[in-house]
Amino acid sequence: MLCDEVRPMLIRHLEGRLRADEEQCFERHLEQCNMCQEALEIQQRVAEVLSSRPVVRTPLGFSDRVMANLSVQGWLAVLDWRAWTFRLAPVAAGLTVVAVLGFGSTEVESPIELSEVVAEWTIDDNSVVLPAFSLLWQEGVTSDTLLEVVLTADPEDPLSY
């Protein structure tokens, strides 16, 4: 047995609530482990201190006086889930109706082709300044050219070369 498995068993051992097989494994582990022996001794001392304390009875009416001093009508009333459940029921019903019946038009626009998007991004051949990313769509551009553009691009205007 490992120490992590024995630690939760310490109090059950002290209370005599371990099964016979658990007790045997527990005892075997304690014979070999000084740390768990110390932990058991500490738990025994704590149990002795707690059991030596005198039993004090609470006075009659103590709980009534405590409850009378607690103000539940303050900000705790806001957290009352029952009140929120009933207040939000109409909102939930409305959202359910909208979800079932749909909200607004469901007509789909015609799909946009990628070539149309690329055409909008490119500039005509007569332009003096081309955006650097337009090189990606030009045929015959070598990786060396792309690297050169990235390394020599103007930092003030990074999209042109």
N, C-alpha and C. Protein backbone atom coordinates (compact mmCIF):
# COMPACT_ATOMS: atom_id res chain seq x y z
N MET A 1 0.82 -1.18 0.00
CA MET A 1 0.00 0.00 0.00
C MET A 1 0.87 1.24 0.00
N LEU A 2 0.39 2.29 -0.64
CA LEU A 2 1.10 3.56 -0.68
C LEU A 2 0.58 4.48 0.41
N CYS A 3 1.39 5.47 0.77
CA CYS A 3 1.00 6.43 1.81
C CYS A 3 -0.29 7.16 1.43
N ASP A 4 -0.46 7.50 0.15
CA ASP A 4 -1.68 8.18 -0.29
C ASP A 4 -2.92 7.33 -0.06
N GLU A 5 -2.77 6.03 -0.09
CA GLU A 5 -3.90 5.14 0.16
C GLU A 5 -4.15 4.96 1.66
N VAL A 6 -3.10 5.09 2.46
CA VAL A 6 -3.20 4.88 3.91
C VAL A 6 -3.76 6.11 4.62
N ARG A 7 -3.39 7.29 4.20
CA ARG A 7 -3.79 8.52 4.88
C ARG A 7 -5.31 8.62 5.10
N PRO A 8 -6.16 8.36 4.10
CA PRO A 8 -7.60 8.43 4.34
C PRO A 8 -8.10 7.37 5.32
N MET A 9 -7.31 6.34 5.56
CA MET A 9 -7.73 5.25 6.44
C MET A 9 -7.40 5.50 7.91
N LEU A 10 -6.61 6.54 8.22
CA LEU A 10 -6.15 6.78 9.58
C LEU A 10 -7.32 6.94 10.55
N ILE A 11 -8.26 7.80 10.25
CA ILE A 11 -9.37 8.06 11.17
C ILE A 11 -10.28 6.85 11.27
N ARG A 12 -10.52 6.19 10.14
CA ARG A 12 -11.35 4.98 10.21
C ARG A 12 -10.68 3.91 11.07
N HIS A 13 -9.35 3.85 11.05
CA HIS A 13 -8.62 2.91 11.91
C HIS A 13 -8.83 3.26 13.38
N LEU A 14 -8.71 4.56 13.69
CA LEU A 14 -8.88 4.99 15.08
C LEU A 14 -10.30 4.72 15.57
N GLU A 15 -11.28 4.80 14.67
CA GLU A 15 -12.67 4.57 15.07
C GLU A 15 -13.04 3.10 14.99
N GLY A 16 -12.12 2.27 14.52
CA GLY A 16 -12.38 0.84 14.42
C GLY A 16 -13.35 0.48 13.29
N ARG A 17 -13.32 1.25 12.22
CA ARG A 17 -14.25 1.02 11.11
C ARG A 17 -13.60 0.39 9.88
N LEU A 18 -12.39 -0.10 9.99
CA LEU A 18 -11.74 -0.75 8.85
C LEU A 18 -12.17 -2.21 8.77
N ARG A 19 -12.33 -2.70 7.53
CA ARG A 19 -12.59 -4.13 7.34
C ARG A 19 -11.32 -4.90 7.70
N ALA A 20 -11.44 -6.18 7.87
CA ALA A 20 -10.31 -7.02 8.30
C ALA A 20 -9.17 -6.96 7.29
N ASP A 21 -9.48 -7.05 5.99
CA ASP A 21 -8.42 -7.02 4.98
C ASP A 21 -7.76 -5.64 4.92
N GLU A 22 -8.55 -4.57 5.10
CA GLU A 22 -7.98 -3.23 5.11
C GLU A 22 -7.07 -3.04 6.33
N GLU A 23 -7.51 -3.56 7.46
CA GLU A 23 -6.74 -3.46 8.69
C GLU A 23 -5.39 -4.15 8.55
N GLN A 24 -5.36 -5.33 7.91
CA GLN A 24 -4.10 -6.06 7.72
C GLN A 24 -3.14 -5.26 6.84
N CYS A 25 -3.65 -4.74 5.72
CA CYS A 25 -2.81 -3.94 4.82
C CYS A 25 -2.32 -2.68 5.53
N PHE A 26 -3.20 -2.08 6.29
CA PHE A 26 -2.87 -0.87 7.04
C PHE A 26 -1.73 -1.15 8.03
N GLU A 27 -1.86 -2.21 8.80
CA GLU A 27 -0.84 -2.57 9.79
C GLU A 27 0.50 -2.88 9.13
N ARG A 28 0.46 -3.62 8.00
CA ARG A 28 1.71 -3.94 7.29
C ARG A 28 2.41 -2.67 6.82
N HIS A 29 1.62 -1.72 6.33
CA HIS A 29 2.21 -0.47 5.86
C HIS A 29 2.82 0.31 7.03
N LEU A 30 2.11 0.36 8.16
CA LEU A 30 2.62 1.09 9.32
C LEU A 30 3.93 0.52 9.84
N GLU A 31 4.12 -0.78 9.72
CA GLU A 31 5.36 -1.41 10.17
C GLU A 31 6.56 -0.90 9.39
N GLN A 32 6.34 -0.47 8.15
CA GLN A 32 7.44 -0.07 7.28
C GLN A 32 7.56 1.45 7.10
N CYS A 33 6.51 2.20 7.45
CA CYS A 33 6.49 3.63 7.10
C CYS A 33 6.46 4.50 8.37
N ASN A 34 7.55 5.20 8.60
CA ASN A 34 7.64 6.09 9.76
C ASN A 34 6.74 7.31 9.62
N MET A 35 6.60 7.83 8.41
CA MET A 35 5.77 9.02 8.21
C MET A 35 4.31 8.73 8.55
N CYS A 36 3.80 7.58 8.14
CA CYS A 36 2.41 7.23 8.44
C CYS A 36 2.23 6.91 9.92
N GLN A 37 3.27 6.38 10.57
CA GLN A 37 3.21 6.15 12.01
C GLN A 37 3.06 7.48 12.75
N GLU A 38 3.85 8.48 12.32
CA GLU A 38 3.76 9.81 12.92
C GLU A 38 2.39 10.43 12.68
N ALA A 39 1.87 10.26 11.47
CA ALA A 39 0.54 10.80 11.15
C ALA A 39 -0.53 10.15 12.02
N LEU A 40 -0.40 8.86 12.27
CA LEU A 40 -1.35 8.16 13.13
C LEU A 40 -1.27 8.67 14.57
N GLU A 41 -0.04 8.89 15.07
CA GLU A 41 0.13 9.42 16.42
C GLU A 41 -0.50 10.81 16.55
N ILE A 42 -0.32 11.64 15.54
CA ILE A 42 -0.91 12.99 15.56
C ILE A 42 -2.43 12.89 15.60
N GLN A 43 -3.00 12.02 14.77
CA GLN A 43 -4.45 11.84 14.77
C GLN A 43 -4.95 11.32 16.11
N GLN A 44 -4.18 10.46 16.75
CA GLN A 44 -4.57 9.94 18.08
C GLN A 44 -4.59 11.07 19.10
N ARG A 45 -3.58 11.95 19.07
CA ARG A 45 -3.53 13.08 20.00
C ARG A 45 -4.70 14.04 19.76
N VAL A 46 -5.03 14.30 18.50
CA VAL A 46 -6.15 15.18 18.19
C VAL A 46 -7.44 14.56 18.70
N ALA A 47 -7.63 13.27 18.49
CA ALA A 47 -8.83 12.58 18.97
C ALA A 47 -8.92 12.65 20.50
N GLU A 48 -7.77 12.51 21.21
CA GLU A 48 -7.77 12.59 22.67
C GLU A 48 -8.18 13.98 23.15
N VAL A 49 -7.65 15.02 22.48
CA VAL A 49 -7.99 16.40 22.87
C VAL A 49 -9.47 16.65 22.66
N LEU A 50 -9.98 16.24 21.51
CA LEU A 50 -11.39 16.48 21.21
C LEU A 50 -12.31 15.70 22.15
N SER A 51 -11.93 14.51 22.48
CA SER A 51 -12.80 13.71 23.36
C SER A 51 -12.71 14.17 24.82
N SER A 52 -11.65 14.89 25.21
CA SER A 52 -11.52 15.36 26.58
C SER A 52 -12.28 16.66 26.84
N ARG A 53 -12.73 17.31 25.81
CA ARG A 53 -13.47 18.57 25.98
C ARG A 53 -14.82 18.29 26.62
N PRO A 54 -15.25 19.17 27.50
CA PRO A 54 -16.56 18.96 28.12
C PRO A 54 -17.69 19.23 27.12
N VAL A 55 -18.76 18.52 27.28
CA VAL A 55 -19.92 18.71 26.40
C VAL A 55 -20.69 19.92 26.91
N VAL A 56 -20.91 20.88 26.05
CA VAL A 56 -21.64 22.09 26.41
C VAL A 56 -22.96 22.08 25.65
N ARG A 57 -24.01 22.22 26.35
CA ARG A 57 -25.34 22.26 25.74
C ARG A 57 -25.65 23.70 25.33
N THR A 58 -26.26 23.85 24.20
CA THR A 58 -26.68 25.18 23.78
C THR A 58 -27.91 25.59 24.57
N PRO A 59 -27.98 26.86 24.94
CA PRO A 59 -29.14 27.31 25.72
C PRO A 59 -30.42 27.25 24.90
N LEU A 60 -31.53 27.10 25.57
CA LEU A 60 -32.83 27.07 24.89
C LEU A 60 -33.05 28.39 24.15
N GLY A 61 -33.57 28.30 22.95
CA GLY A 61 -33.87 29.50 22.17
C GLY A 61 -32.69 30.08 21.43
N PHE A 62 -31.53 29.45 21.52
CA PHE A 62 -30.33 29.98 20.85
C PHE A 62 -30.53 30.08 19.34
N SER A 63 -31.00 29.02 18.73
CA SER A 63 -31.17 29.03 17.27
C SER A 63 -32.24 30.03 16.85
N ASP A 64 -33.28 30.21 17.66
CA ASP A 64 -34.32 31.21 17.33
C ASP A 64 -33.74 32.62 17.36
N ARG A 65 -32.88 32.90 18.36
CA ARG A 65 -32.28 34.23 18.44
C ARG A 65 -31.32 34.47 17.26
N VAL A 66 -30.58 33.45 16.88
CA VAL A 66 -29.67 33.60 15.74
C VAL A 66 -30.46 33.86 14.46
N MET A 67 -31.50 33.08 14.25
CA MET A 67 -32.31 33.25 13.03
C MET A 67 -33.02 34.60 13.00
N ALA A 68 -33.42 35.11 14.16
CA ALA A 68 -34.08 36.41 14.22
C ALA A 68 -33.12 37.53 13.85
N ASN A 69 -31.81 37.34 14.15
CA ASN A 69 -30.83 38.37 13.83
C ASN A 69 -30.36 38.34 12.38
N LEU A 70 -30.65 37.27 11.69
CA LEU A 70 -30.26 37.18 10.28
C LEU A 70 -31.31 37.88 9.43
N SER A 71 -30.86 38.74 8.55
CA SER A 71 -31.78 39.44 7.66
C SER A 71 -31.73 38.78 6.30
N VAL A 72 -32.75 38.00 5.98
CA VAL A 72 -32.80 37.31 4.69
C VAL A 72 -33.40 38.22 3.63
N GLN A 73 -34.03 39.30 4.03
CA GLN A 73 -34.67 40.19 3.07
C GLN A 73 -33.68 41.10 2.35
N GLY A 74 -32.43 41.10 2.72
CA GLY A 74 -31.43 41.95 2.08
C GLY A 74 -31.04 41.42 0.71
N TRP A 75 -29.77 41.45 0.45
CA TRP A 75 -29.27 41.02 -0.87
C TRP A 75 -29.41 39.53 -1.07
N LEU A 76 -29.58 38.74 -0.02
CA LEU A 76 -29.76 37.31 -0.18
C LEU A 76 -31.09 36.98 -0.88
N ALA A 77 -32.08 37.87 -0.73
CA ALA A 77 -33.36 37.64 -1.38
C ALA A 77 -33.22 37.65 -2.90
N VAL A 78 -32.23 38.39 -3.40
CA VAL A 78 -31.98 38.44 -4.85
C VAL A 78 -31.54 37.07 -5.36
N LEU A 79 -30.87 36.30 -4.52
CA LEU A 79 -30.35 35.01 -4.93
C LEU A 79 -31.37 33.88 -4.81
N ASP A 80 -32.58 34.18 -4.42
CA ASP A 80 -33.62 33.16 -4.26
C ASP A 80 -34.00 32.63 -5.64
N TRP A 81 -33.59 31.42 -5.95
CA TRP A 81 -33.81 30.84 -7.28
C TRP A 81 -35.28 30.62 -7.57
N ARG A 82 -36.10 30.39 -6.54
CA ARG A 82 -37.52 30.15 -6.78
C ARG A 82 -38.19 31.40 -7.33
N ALA A 83 -37.85 32.57 -6.78
CA ALA A 83 -38.43 33.81 -7.28
C ALA A 83 -38.00 34.06 -8.71
N TRP A 84 -36.72 33.83 -9.01
CA TRP A 84 -36.22 34.04 -10.37
C TRP A 84 -36.87 33.06 -11.35
N THR A 85 -37.12 31.85 -10.92
CA THR A 85 -37.73 30.86 -11.80
C THR A 85 -39.10 31.32 -12.25
N PHE A 86 -39.89 31.81 -11.32
CA PHE A 86 -41.23 32.25 -11.68
C PHE A 86 -41.22 33.56 -12.46
N ARG A 87 -40.30 34.45 -12.14
CA ARG A 87 -40.24 35.74 -12.84
C ARG A 87 -39.74 35.58 -14.27
N LEU A 88 -38.86 34.62 -14.49
CA LEU A 88 -38.28 34.45 -15.83
C LEU A 88 -39.04 33.44 -16.70
N ALA A 89 -40.08 32.85 -16.17
CA ALA A 89 -40.85 31.88 -16.95
C ALA A 89 -41.42 32.49 -18.24
N PRO A 90 -41.99 33.71 -18.22
CA PRO A 90 -42.49 34.30 -19.48
C PRO A 90 -41.37 34.55 -20.49
N VAL A 91 -40.20 34.94 -20.02
CA VAL A 91 -39.07 35.17 -20.93
C VAL A 91 -38.65 33.86 -21.57
N ALA A 92 -38.57 32.80 -20.78
CA ALA A 92 -38.20 31.49 -21.31
C ALA A 92 -39.23 31.01 -22.33
N ALA A 93 -40.50 31.23 -22.04
CA ALA A 93 -41.55 30.82 -22.99
C ALA A 93 -41.42 31.60 -24.30
N GLY A 94 -41.15 32.90 -24.20
CA GLY A 94 -40.99 33.72 -25.40
C GLY A 94 -39.80 33.27 -26.24
N LEU A 95 -38.68 32.98 -25.58
CA LEU A 95 -37.51 32.51 -26.31
C LEU A 95 -37.76 31.15 -26.96
N THR A 96 -38.54 30.31 -26.30
CA THR A 96 -38.89 29.01 -26.88
C THR A 96 -39.72 29.19 -28.14
N VAL A 97 -40.70 30.10 -28.10
CA VAL A 97 -41.54 30.36 -29.27
C VAL A 97 -40.70 30.88 -30.42
N VAL A 98 -39.79 31.82 -30.14
CA VAL A 98 -38.93 32.37 -31.19
C VAL A 98 -38.05 31.28 -31.78
N ALA A 99 -37.53 30.40 -30.93
CA ALA A 99 -36.66 29.33 -31.43
C ALA A 99 -37.43 28.34 -32.28
N VAL A 100 -38.66 28.05 -31.90
CA VAL A 100 -39.46 27.08 -32.66
C VAL A 100 -39.94 27.67 -33.98
N LEU A 101 -40.44 28.89 -33.94
CA LEU A 101 -41.01 29.50 -35.14
C LEU A 101 -39.96 30.15 -36.03
N GLY A 102 -38.85 30.43 -35.51
CA GLY A 102 -37.79 31.06 -36.29
C GLY A 102 -37.85 32.56 -36.10
N PHE A 103 -36.75 33.21 -36.33
CA PHE A 103 -36.68 34.65 -36.15
C PHE A 103 -36.06 35.26 -37.40
N GLY A 104 -36.84 36.00 -38.16
CA GLY A 104 -36.33 36.66 -39.34
C GLY A 104 -36.27 35.74 -40.55
N SER A 105 -35.70 36.26 -41.60
CA SER A 105 -35.62 35.55 -42.87
C SER A 105 -34.57 34.45 -42.81
N THR A 106 -34.87 33.34 -43.46
CA THR A 106 -33.91 32.25 -43.54
C THR A 106 -33.37 32.08 -44.95
N GLU A 107 -33.60 33.07 -45.80
CA GLU A 107 -33.10 32.98 -47.17
C GLU A 107 -31.59 33.12 -47.16
N VAL A 108 -30.94 32.31 -47.98
CA VAL A 108 -29.48 32.29 -48.04
C VAL A 108 -29.04 33.09 -49.24
N GLU A 109 -28.04 33.95 -49.04
CA GLU A 109 -27.45 34.69 -50.14
C GLU A 109 -26.71 33.71 -51.04
N SER A 110 -26.54 34.10 -52.29
CA SER A 110 -25.81 33.22 -53.19
C SER A 110 -24.36 33.13 -52.71
N PRO A 111 -23.77 31.97 -52.80
CA PRO A 111 -22.41 31.81 -52.30
C PRO A 111 -21.41 32.61 -53.11
N ILE A 112 -20.37 33.09 -52.44
CA ILE A 112 -19.32 33.86 -53.11
C ILE A 112 -18.20 32.89 -53.45
N GLU A 113 -17.78 32.95 -54.67
CA GLU A 113 -16.68 32.12 -55.13
C GLU A 113 -15.35 32.71 -54.67
N LEU A 114 -14.39 31.85 -54.41
CA LEU A 114 -13.07 32.30 -53.98
C LEU A 114 -12.41 33.15 -55.06
N SER A 115 -12.64 32.82 -56.29
CA SER A 115 -12.03 33.59 -57.38
C SER A 115 -12.53 35.04 -57.38
N GLU A 116 -13.78 35.27 -56.97
CA GLU A 116 -14.31 36.63 -56.88
C GLU A 116 -13.62 37.41 -55.77
N VAL A 117 -13.38 36.74 -54.67
CA VAL A 117 -12.70 37.39 -53.55
C VAL A 117 -11.27 37.75 -53.95
N VAL A 118 -10.58 36.83 -54.61
CA VAL A 118 -9.21 37.08 -55.06
C VAL A 118 -9.19 38.21 -56.07
N ALA A 119 -10.16 38.26 -56.96
CA ALA A 119 -10.21 39.32 -57.95
C ALA A 119 -10.38 40.68 -57.30
N GLU A 120 -11.13 40.77 -56.23
CA GLU A 120 -11.30 42.04 -55.52
C GLU A 120 -10.01 42.46 -54.84
N TRP A 121 -9.19 41.51 -54.42
CA TRP A 121 -7.96 41.83 -53.72
C TRP A 121 -6.82 42.22 -54.66
N THR A 122 -6.87 41.77 -55.87
CA THR A 122 -5.77 42.06 -56.80
C THR A 122 -5.95 43.43 -57.44
N ILE A 123 -4.87 43.98 -57.94
CA ILE A 123 -4.88 45.30 -58.58
C ILE A 123 -4.52 45.09 -60.05
N ASP A 124 -5.04 45.96 -60.87
CA ASP A 124 -4.80 45.78 -62.31
C ASP A 124 -3.31 45.86 -62.64
N ASP A 125 -2.97 45.38 -63.84
CA ASP A 125 -1.56 45.28 -64.24
C ASP A 125 -0.89 46.63 -64.45
N ASN A 126 -1.64 47.71 -64.68
CA ASN A 126 -1.05 49.02 -64.95
C ASN A 126 -0.64 49.75 -63.68
N SER A 127 -0.97 49.21 -62.53
CA SER A 127 -0.66 49.87 -61.26
C SER A 127 0.83 49.81 -61.00
N VAL A 128 1.38 50.89 -60.45
CA VAL A 128 2.80 50.96 -60.16
C VAL A 128 3.12 50.23 -58.85
N VAL A 129 2.25 50.36 -57.84
CA VAL A 129 2.47 49.75 -56.54
C VAL A 129 1.50 48.59 -56.38
N LEU A 130 2.02 47.42 -56.11
CA LEU A 130 1.20 46.23 -55.90
C LEU A 130 1.32 45.79 -54.44
N PRO A 131 0.21 45.34 -53.89
CA PRO A 131 0.34 44.80 -52.54
C PRO A 131 1.21 43.55 -52.55
N ALA A 132 1.98 43.37 -51.49
CA ALA A 132 2.92 42.26 -51.43
C ALA A 132 2.20 40.92 -51.49
N PHE A 133 1.01 40.83 -50.90
CA PHE A 133 0.32 39.55 -50.91
C PHE A 133 -0.18 39.17 -52.30
N SER A 134 -0.21 40.13 -53.26
CA SER A 134 -0.65 39.78 -54.62
C SER A 134 0.34 38.86 -55.31
N LEU A 135 1.58 38.78 -54.82
CA LEU A 135 2.56 37.87 -55.38
C LEU A 135 2.14 36.41 -55.21
N LEU A 136 1.34 36.13 -54.19
CA LEU A 136 0.91 34.76 -53.94
C LEU A 136 0.07 34.21 -55.10
N TRP A 137 -0.62 35.11 -55.84
CA TRP A 137 -1.50 34.65 -56.93
C TRP A 137 -0.86 34.78 -58.30
N GLN A 138 0.32 35.36 -58.35
CA GLN A 138 0.97 35.50 -59.64
C GLN A 138 1.72 34.22 -59.99
N GLU A 139 1.63 33.85 -61.26
CA GLU A 139 2.31 32.64 -61.70
C GLU A 139 3.80 32.93 -61.89
N GLY A 140 4.61 31.95 -61.62
CA GLY A 140 6.04 32.06 -61.88
C GLY A 140 6.82 32.79 -60.81
N VAL A 141 6.22 33.13 -59.71
CA VAL A 141 6.95 33.80 -58.64
C VAL A 141 7.68 32.74 -57.82
N THR A 142 8.98 32.94 -57.70
CA THR A 142 9.78 31.95 -56.98
C THR A 142 9.76 32.24 -55.48
N SER A 143 10.15 31.25 -54.72
CA SER A 143 10.21 31.43 -53.27
C SER A 143 11.28 32.45 -52.90
N ASP A 144 12.33 32.56 -53.71
CA ASP A 144 13.35 33.57 -53.45
C ASP A 144 12.78 34.98 -53.58
N THR A 145 11.94 35.18 -54.58
CA THR A 145 11.31 36.49 -54.78
C THR A 145 10.40 36.82 -53.60
N LEU A 146 9.60 35.84 -53.18
CA LEU A 146 8.73 36.07 -52.03
C LEU A 146 9.54 36.42 -50.80
N LEU A 147 10.64 35.71 -50.57
CA LEU A 147 11.49 35.98 -49.42
C LEU A 147 12.10 37.37 -49.52
N GLU A 148 12.54 37.76 -50.71
CA GLU A 148 13.13 39.09 -50.91
C GLU A 148 12.11 40.18 -50.60
N VAL A 149 10.86 39.99 -51.04
CA VAL A 149 9.83 40.99 -50.79
C VAL A 149 9.56 41.12 -49.29
N VAL A 150 9.51 39.98 -48.61
CA VAL A 150 9.27 40.02 -47.17
C VAL A 150 10.42 40.74 -46.46
N LEU A 151 11.67 40.49 -46.89
CA LEU A 151 12.82 41.07 -46.21
C LEU A 151 13.05 42.53 -46.57
N THR A 152 12.64 42.96 -47.75
CA THR A 152 12.93 44.32 -48.20
C THR A 152 11.71 45.21 -48.21
N ALA A 153 10.57 44.74 -47.76
CA ALA A 153 9.36 45.55 -47.80
C ALA A 153 9.54 46.77 -46.91
N ASP A 154 8.91 47.86 -47.31
CA ASP A 154 8.96 49.11 -46.56
C ASP A 154 8.15 48.93 -45.26
N PRO A 155 8.78 49.14 -44.09
CA PRO A 155 8.06 48.94 -42.83
C PRO A 155 6.89 49.91 -42.66
N GLU A 156 6.98 51.10 -43.32
CA GLU A 156 5.89 52.06 -43.23
C GLU A 156 4.69 51.63 -44.06
N ASP A 157 4.92 50.86 -45.11
CA ASP A 157 3.85 50.39 -45.98
C ASP A 157 4.11 48.91 -46.27
N PRO A 158 3.81 48.04 -45.31
CA PRO A 158 4.20 46.62 -45.45
C PRO A 158 3.43 45.87 -46.53
N LEU A 159 2.38 46.47 -47.08
CA LEU A 159 1.62 45.74 -48.09
C LEU A 159 2.06 46.05 -49.51
N SER A 160 3.07 46.87 -49.69
CA SER A 160 3.52 47.17 -51.07
C SER A 160 4.99 46.86 -51.20
N TYR A 161 5.39 46.65 -52.44
CA TYR A 161 6.81 46.39 -52.72
C TYR A 161 7.22 47.16 -53.95
